Amino acid sequence: MNLQQFIGAKGRHLEVPRGQHIFRQGDRDPSLYVVKSGLLKAYYLTESGKEQVKSFLFPGEFIGSLAAAYAGDPCSFSLVSLQKSEAMAIPLASQKIKARLWQTRAAYR
C-alpha cells in the first residue's frame, strides 16, 4: 500500500470553511492532517496573546502535533483555515497506525 492509498483508507475527509480552526493550542488532537486544497495556517499564541506564525500549509503538505499524537500532551499550536480548504485527518492514536505510517514513509523516500 502506498502513501496515497494509506491516507485514503485511514483518513477522514474534512471540509474546512475559511476562519474555522481544525484544532487550537491546548486541545488534545492526536491526528495528522494532509492538506488537499486551500490554505492553512499553524500558529502559536504567546502568553501575552500575540500570534506567532509557525507555518503556512499548501496542498500536499501535512501537519500535526507530535506532542498530542505520541505523548498525549496538549497541542502546542493552533491550526486554522485561511480559505475554504479540504484536508484528510489521519488518527495517530493507535500504535498500529503510527507504525504503518512510519513504514510507508520510509518506503516512500
N, C-alpha and C. Protein backbone atom coordinates (compact mmCIF):
# COMPACT_ATOMS: atom_id res chain seq x y z
N MET A 1 0.86 -1.18 0.00
CA MET A 1 0.00 0.00 0.00
C MET A 1 0.91 1.24 0.00
N ASN A 2 0.69 2.13 -0.96
CA ASN A 2 1.50 3.35 -0.98
C ASN A 2 0.89 4.41 -0.06
N LEU A 3 1.56 5.53 0.07
CA LEU A 3 1.14 6.58 1.00
C LEU A 3 -0.25 7.12 0.66
N GLN A 4 -0.53 7.37 -0.62
CA GLN A 4 -1.84 7.87 -1.03
C GLN A 4 -2.95 6.89 -0.67
N GLN A 5 -2.73 5.61 -0.88
CA GLN A 5 -3.72 4.59 -0.55
C GLN A 5 -3.93 4.52 0.96
N PHE A 6 -2.84 4.62 1.71
CA PHE A 6 -2.93 4.58 3.17
C PHE A 6 -3.77 5.76 3.69
N ILE A 7 -3.50 6.94 3.17
CA ILE A 7 -4.26 8.13 3.59
C ILE A 7 -5.73 7.97 3.23
N GLY A 8 -6.01 7.47 2.02
CA GLY A 8 -7.39 7.26 1.60
C GLY A 8 -8.11 6.23 2.46
N ALA A 9 -7.41 5.18 2.87
CA ALA A 9 -8.02 4.12 3.66
C ALA A 9 -8.23 4.50 5.12
N LYS A 10 -7.29 5.23 5.69
CA LYS A 10 -7.34 5.54 7.12
C LYS A 10 -7.83 6.94 7.43
N GLY A 11 -7.85 7.81 6.43
CA GLY A 11 -8.17 9.21 6.67
C GLY A 11 -9.66 9.51 6.69
N ARG A 12 -9.99 10.63 7.30
CA ARG A 12 -11.36 11.15 7.34
C ARG A 12 -11.35 12.49 6.63
N HIS A 13 -12.21 12.64 5.62
CA HIS A 13 -12.26 13.85 4.81
C HIS A 13 -12.88 15.00 5.60
N LEU A 14 -12.24 16.17 5.55
CA LEU A 14 -12.74 17.37 6.22
C LEU A 14 -12.92 18.49 5.22
N GLU A 15 -14.02 19.18 5.29
CA GLU A 15 -14.21 20.43 4.56
C GLU A 15 -14.17 21.52 5.61
N VAL A 16 -13.23 22.45 5.45
CA VAL A 16 -12.99 23.45 6.49
C VAL A 16 -13.25 24.85 5.92
N PRO A 17 -14.31 25.51 6.38
CA PRO A 17 -14.58 26.87 5.90
C PRO A 17 -13.49 27.86 6.33
N ARG A 18 -13.38 28.93 5.60
CA ARG A 18 -12.43 29.99 5.93
C ARG A 18 -12.68 30.47 7.36
N GLY A 19 -11.60 30.58 8.13
CA GLY A 19 -11.69 31.07 9.50
C GLY A 19 -11.95 30.02 10.56
N GLN A 20 -12.24 28.80 10.15
CA GLN A 20 -12.51 27.74 11.12
C GLN A 20 -11.22 27.08 11.58
N HIS A 21 -11.14 26.83 12.87
CA HIS A 21 -9.99 26.12 13.44
C HIS A 21 -10.19 24.62 13.30
N ILE A 22 -9.14 23.92 12.97
CA ILE A 22 -9.15 22.46 12.98
C ILE A 22 -8.87 22.01 14.40
N PHE A 23 -7.89 22.64 15.03
CA PHE A 23 -7.67 22.47 16.47
C PHE A 23 -7.01 23.74 16.99
N ARG A 24 -7.08 23.89 18.30
CA ARG A 24 -6.48 25.06 18.96
C ARG A 24 -5.39 24.63 19.94
N GLN A 25 -4.46 25.53 20.14
CA GLN A 25 -3.41 25.30 21.11
C GLN A 25 -4.06 24.91 22.44
N GLY A 26 -3.58 23.82 23.03
CA GLY A 26 -4.16 23.34 24.28
C GLY A 26 -5.13 22.18 24.11
N ASP A 27 -5.65 21.99 22.87
CA ASP A 27 -6.53 20.85 22.60
C ASP A 27 -5.71 19.57 22.60
N ARG A 28 -6.38 18.48 22.74
CA ARG A 28 -5.73 17.17 22.60
C ARG A 28 -6.24 16.57 21.29
N ASP A 29 -5.45 16.68 20.26
CA ASP A 29 -5.83 16.21 18.93
C ASP A 29 -4.70 15.35 18.37
N PRO A 30 -4.84 14.02 18.46
CA PRO A 30 -3.76 13.13 18.03
C PRO A 30 -3.81 12.78 16.55
N SER A 31 -4.22 13.70 15.70
CA SER A 31 -4.33 13.41 14.27
C SER A 31 -3.26 14.11 13.46
N LEU A 32 -3.00 13.53 12.31
CA LEU A 32 -2.13 14.14 11.30
C LEU A 32 -3.07 14.64 10.22
N TYR A 33 -2.82 15.85 9.71
CA TYR A 33 -3.69 16.44 8.68
C TYR A 33 -2.91 16.63 7.39
N VAL A 34 -3.50 16.15 6.30
CA VAL A 34 -2.91 16.31 4.97
C VAL A 34 -3.82 17.29 4.22
N VAL A 35 -3.23 18.39 3.72
CA VAL A 35 -3.99 19.41 3.01
C VAL A 35 -4.26 18.94 1.59
N LYS A 36 -5.54 18.90 1.21
CA LYS A 36 -5.92 18.52 -0.16
C LYS A 36 -6.12 19.76 -1.03
N SER A 37 -6.71 20.81 -0.45
CA SER A 37 -6.91 22.06 -1.19
C SER A 37 -7.02 23.19 -0.18
N GLY A 38 -6.80 24.42 -0.67
CA GLY A 38 -6.92 25.59 0.19
C GLY A 38 -5.60 25.97 0.85
N LEU A 39 -5.72 26.64 1.99
CA LEU A 39 -4.55 27.17 2.70
C LEU A 39 -4.81 27.15 4.19
N LEU A 40 -3.90 26.55 4.95
CA LEU A 40 -4.00 26.51 6.40
C LEU A 40 -2.84 27.28 7.02
N LYS A 41 -3.07 27.77 8.23
CA LYS A 41 -2.01 28.47 8.97
C LYS A 41 -1.87 27.82 10.34
N ALA A 42 -0.65 27.48 10.70
CA ALA A 42 -0.33 27.00 12.03
C ALA A 42 0.32 28.15 12.79
N TYR A 43 -0.13 28.36 14.03
CA TYR A 43 0.44 29.48 14.79
C TYR A 43 0.42 29.18 16.28
N TYR A 44 1.29 29.89 16.99
CA TYR A 44 1.36 29.83 18.45
C TYR A 44 0.75 31.10 19.01
N LEU A 45 0.16 30.99 20.19
CA LEU A 45 -0.24 32.18 20.94
C LEU A 45 0.72 32.33 22.10
N THR A 46 1.30 33.52 22.21
CA THR A 46 2.21 33.77 23.33
C THR A 46 1.39 34.00 24.60
N GLU A 47 2.06 34.04 25.73
CA GLU A 47 1.37 34.29 26.99
C GLU A 47 0.65 35.63 26.99
N SER A 48 1.17 36.59 26.22
CA SER A 48 0.52 37.90 26.15
C SER A 48 -0.60 37.95 25.11
N GLY A 49 -0.85 36.80 24.42
CA GLY A 49 -1.93 36.74 23.45
C GLY A 49 -1.54 37.10 22.03
N LYS A 50 -0.25 37.35 21.78
CA LYS A 50 0.21 37.66 20.42
C LYS A 50 0.34 36.36 19.62
N GLU A 51 0.00 36.48 18.34
CA GLU A 51 0.09 35.35 17.44
C GLU A 51 1.46 35.30 16.78
N GLN A 52 2.09 34.13 16.79
CA GLN A 52 3.35 33.91 16.09
C GLN A 52 3.13 32.79 15.07
N VAL A 53 3.33 33.10 13.80
CA VAL A 53 3.08 32.12 12.74
C VAL A 53 4.16 31.05 12.76
N LYS A 54 3.73 29.81 12.78
CA LYS A 54 4.62 28.65 12.72
C LYS A 54 4.87 28.29 11.27
N SER A 55 3.76 28.20 10.48
CA SER A 55 3.90 27.85 9.07
C SER A 55 2.57 28.04 8.34
N PHE A 56 2.68 28.10 7.01
CA PHE A 56 1.52 28.08 6.14
C PHE A 56 1.57 26.75 5.41
N LEU A 57 0.41 26.13 5.24
CA LEU A 57 0.36 24.80 4.63
C LEU A 57 -0.47 24.83 3.37
N PHE A 58 0.11 24.30 2.31
CA PHE A 58 -0.49 24.28 0.98
C PHE A 58 -0.85 22.84 0.61
N PRO A 59 -1.62 22.64 -0.45
CA PRO A 59 -1.99 21.28 -0.86
C PRO A 59 -0.77 20.36 -0.98
N GLY A 60 -0.93 19.16 -0.42
CA GLY A 60 0.14 18.16 -0.44
C GLY A 60 0.98 18.17 0.81
N GLU A 61 0.87 19.21 1.62
CA GLU A 61 1.66 19.27 2.86
C GLU A 61 0.86 18.70 4.02
N PHE A 62 1.57 18.33 5.09
CA PHE A 62 0.89 17.75 6.23
C PHE A 62 1.44 18.32 7.53
N ILE A 63 0.61 18.20 8.58
CA ILE A 63 0.98 18.74 9.89
C ILE A 63 0.16 18.04 10.97
N GLY A 64 0.70 18.02 12.14
CA GLY A 64 0.02 17.50 13.31
C GLY A 64 0.87 17.80 14.52
N SER A 65 0.28 17.76 15.67
CA SER A 65 1.03 18.00 16.91
C SER A 65 1.62 16.68 17.38
N LEU A 66 2.93 16.54 17.28
CA LEU A 66 3.58 15.31 17.72
C LEU A 66 3.41 15.11 19.22
N ALA A 67 3.39 16.20 19.97
CA ALA A 67 3.19 16.11 21.42
C ALA A 67 1.84 15.46 21.72
N ALA A 68 0.82 15.84 20.97
CA ALA A 68 -0.52 15.29 21.18
C ALA A 68 -0.61 13.86 20.66
N ALA A 69 -0.03 13.60 19.50
CA ALA A 69 -0.14 12.29 18.87
C ALA A 69 0.65 11.21 19.61
N TYR A 70 1.85 11.52 20.04
CA TYR A 70 2.71 10.50 20.61
C TYR A 70 2.74 10.49 22.12
N ALA A 71 2.64 11.64 22.76
CA ALA A 71 2.74 11.70 24.22
C ALA A 71 1.39 11.95 24.89
N GLY A 72 0.37 12.26 24.11
CA GLY A 72 -0.93 12.56 24.70
C GLY A 72 -1.00 13.93 25.34
N ASP A 73 -0.01 14.76 25.06
CA ASP A 73 0.03 16.12 25.61
C ASP A 73 -0.88 17.04 24.80
N PRO A 74 -1.19 18.22 25.33
CA PRO A 74 -1.97 19.19 24.56
C PRO A 74 -1.18 19.68 23.34
N CYS A 75 -1.90 20.08 22.30
CA CYS A 75 -1.26 20.65 21.11
C CYS A 75 -0.53 21.94 21.49
N SER A 76 0.63 22.13 20.94
CA SER A 76 1.43 23.31 21.26
C SER A 76 1.15 24.48 20.34
N PHE A 77 0.28 24.29 19.34
CA PHE A 77 -0.04 25.34 18.39
C PHE A 77 -1.47 25.18 17.91
N SER A 78 -1.99 26.16 17.19
CA SER A 78 -3.33 26.13 16.61
C SER A 78 -3.24 25.98 15.10
N LEU A 79 -4.30 25.44 14.49
CA LEU A 79 -4.36 25.26 13.04
C LEU A 79 -5.69 25.81 12.55
N VAL A 80 -5.63 26.81 11.65
CA VAL A 80 -6.82 27.49 11.16
C VAL A 80 -6.80 27.56 9.64
N SER A 81 -7.98 27.55 9.04
CA SER A 81 -8.10 27.65 7.60
C SER A 81 -8.15 29.12 7.18
N LEU A 82 -7.30 29.51 6.24
CA LEU A 82 -7.29 30.89 5.74
C LEU A 82 -8.20 31.07 4.53
N GLN A 83 -8.61 29.97 3.93
CA GLN A 83 -9.58 29.98 2.84
C GLN A 83 -10.28 28.63 2.86
N LYS A 84 -11.38 28.52 2.15
CA LYS A 84 -12.08 27.24 2.12
C LYS A 84 -11.07 26.15 1.76
N SER A 85 -10.99 25.14 2.61
CA SER A 85 -9.96 24.11 2.45
C SER A 85 -10.55 22.72 2.62
N GLU A 86 -9.82 21.76 2.12
CA GLU A 86 -10.13 20.35 2.33
C GLU A 86 -8.88 19.68 2.86
N ALA A 87 -9.07 18.76 3.80
CA ALA A 87 -7.95 18.04 4.38
C ALA A 87 -8.38 16.62 4.71
N MET A 88 -7.41 15.77 4.91
CA MET A 88 -7.66 14.42 5.40
C MET A 88 -7.08 14.35 6.81
N ALA A 89 -7.89 13.87 7.74
CA ALA A 89 -7.44 13.69 9.12
C ALA A 89 -7.12 12.21 9.32
N ILE A 90 -5.90 11.94 9.76
CA ILE A 90 -5.47 10.57 9.99
C ILE A 90 -5.22 10.42 11.49
N PRO A 91 -6.04 9.64 12.19
CA PRO A 91 -5.84 9.49 13.63
C PRO A 91 -4.56 8.70 13.92
N LEU A 92 -3.74 9.24 14.79
CA LEU A 92 -2.49 8.57 15.12
C LEU A 92 -2.53 7.97 16.52
N ALA A 93 -3.71 7.79 17.06
CA ALA A 93 -3.83 7.30 18.42
C ALA A 93 -3.39 5.85 18.57
N SER A 94 -3.61 5.05 17.54
CA SER A 94 -3.26 3.63 17.68
C SER A 94 -1.80 3.40 17.27
N GLN A 95 -1.15 2.53 18.00
CA GLN A 95 0.24 2.18 17.70
C GLN A 95 0.35 1.53 16.32
N LYS A 96 -0.67 0.79 15.92
CA LYS A 96 -0.67 0.12 14.62
C LYS A 96 -0.62 1.14 13.49
N ILE A 97 -1.41 2.19 13.59
CA ILE A 97 -1.43 3.23 12.56
C ILE A 97 -0.11 3.99 12.56
N LYS A 98 0.42 4.32 13.72
CA LYS A 98 1.72 5.01 13.81
C LYS A 98 2.81 4.19 13.13
N ALA A 99 2.86 2.91 13.44
CA ALA A 99 3.88 2.04 12.86
C ALA A 99 3.73 1.96 11.34
N ARG A 100 2.50 1.81 10.86
CA ARG A 100 2.27 1.70 9.41
C ARG A 100 2.64 3.00 8.69
N LEU A 101 2.33 4.13 9.30
CA LEU A 101 2.68 5.41 8.70
C LEU A 101 4.19 5.55 8.57
N TRP A 102 4.93 5.19 9.60
CA TRP A 102 6.39 5.29 9.55
C TRP A 102 6.97 4.32 8.54
N GLN A 103 6.40 3.11 8.43
CA GLN A 103 6.86 2.14 7.41
C GLN A 103 6.63 2.69 6.01
N THR A 104 5.44 3.24 5.80
CA THR A 104 5.09 3.80 4.49
C THR A 104 5.99 4.97 4.17
N ARG A 105 6.24 5.82 5.16
CA ARG A 105 7.10 6.99 4.96
C ARG A 105 8.51 6.56 4.57
N ALA A 106 9.03 5.54 5.26
CA ALA A 106 10.38 5.06 4.97
C ALA A 106 10.47 4.49 3.56
N ALA A 107 9.44 3.78 3.14
CA ALA A 107 9.42 3.20 1.79
C ALA A 107 9.24 4.27 0.71
N TYR A 108 8.65 5.38 1.09
CA TYR A 108 8.36 6.46 0.15
C TYR A 108 9.59 7.28 -0.19
N ARG A 109 10.59 7.24 0.66
CA ARG A 109 11.83 8.03 0.46
C ARG A 109 12.62 7.57 -0.71
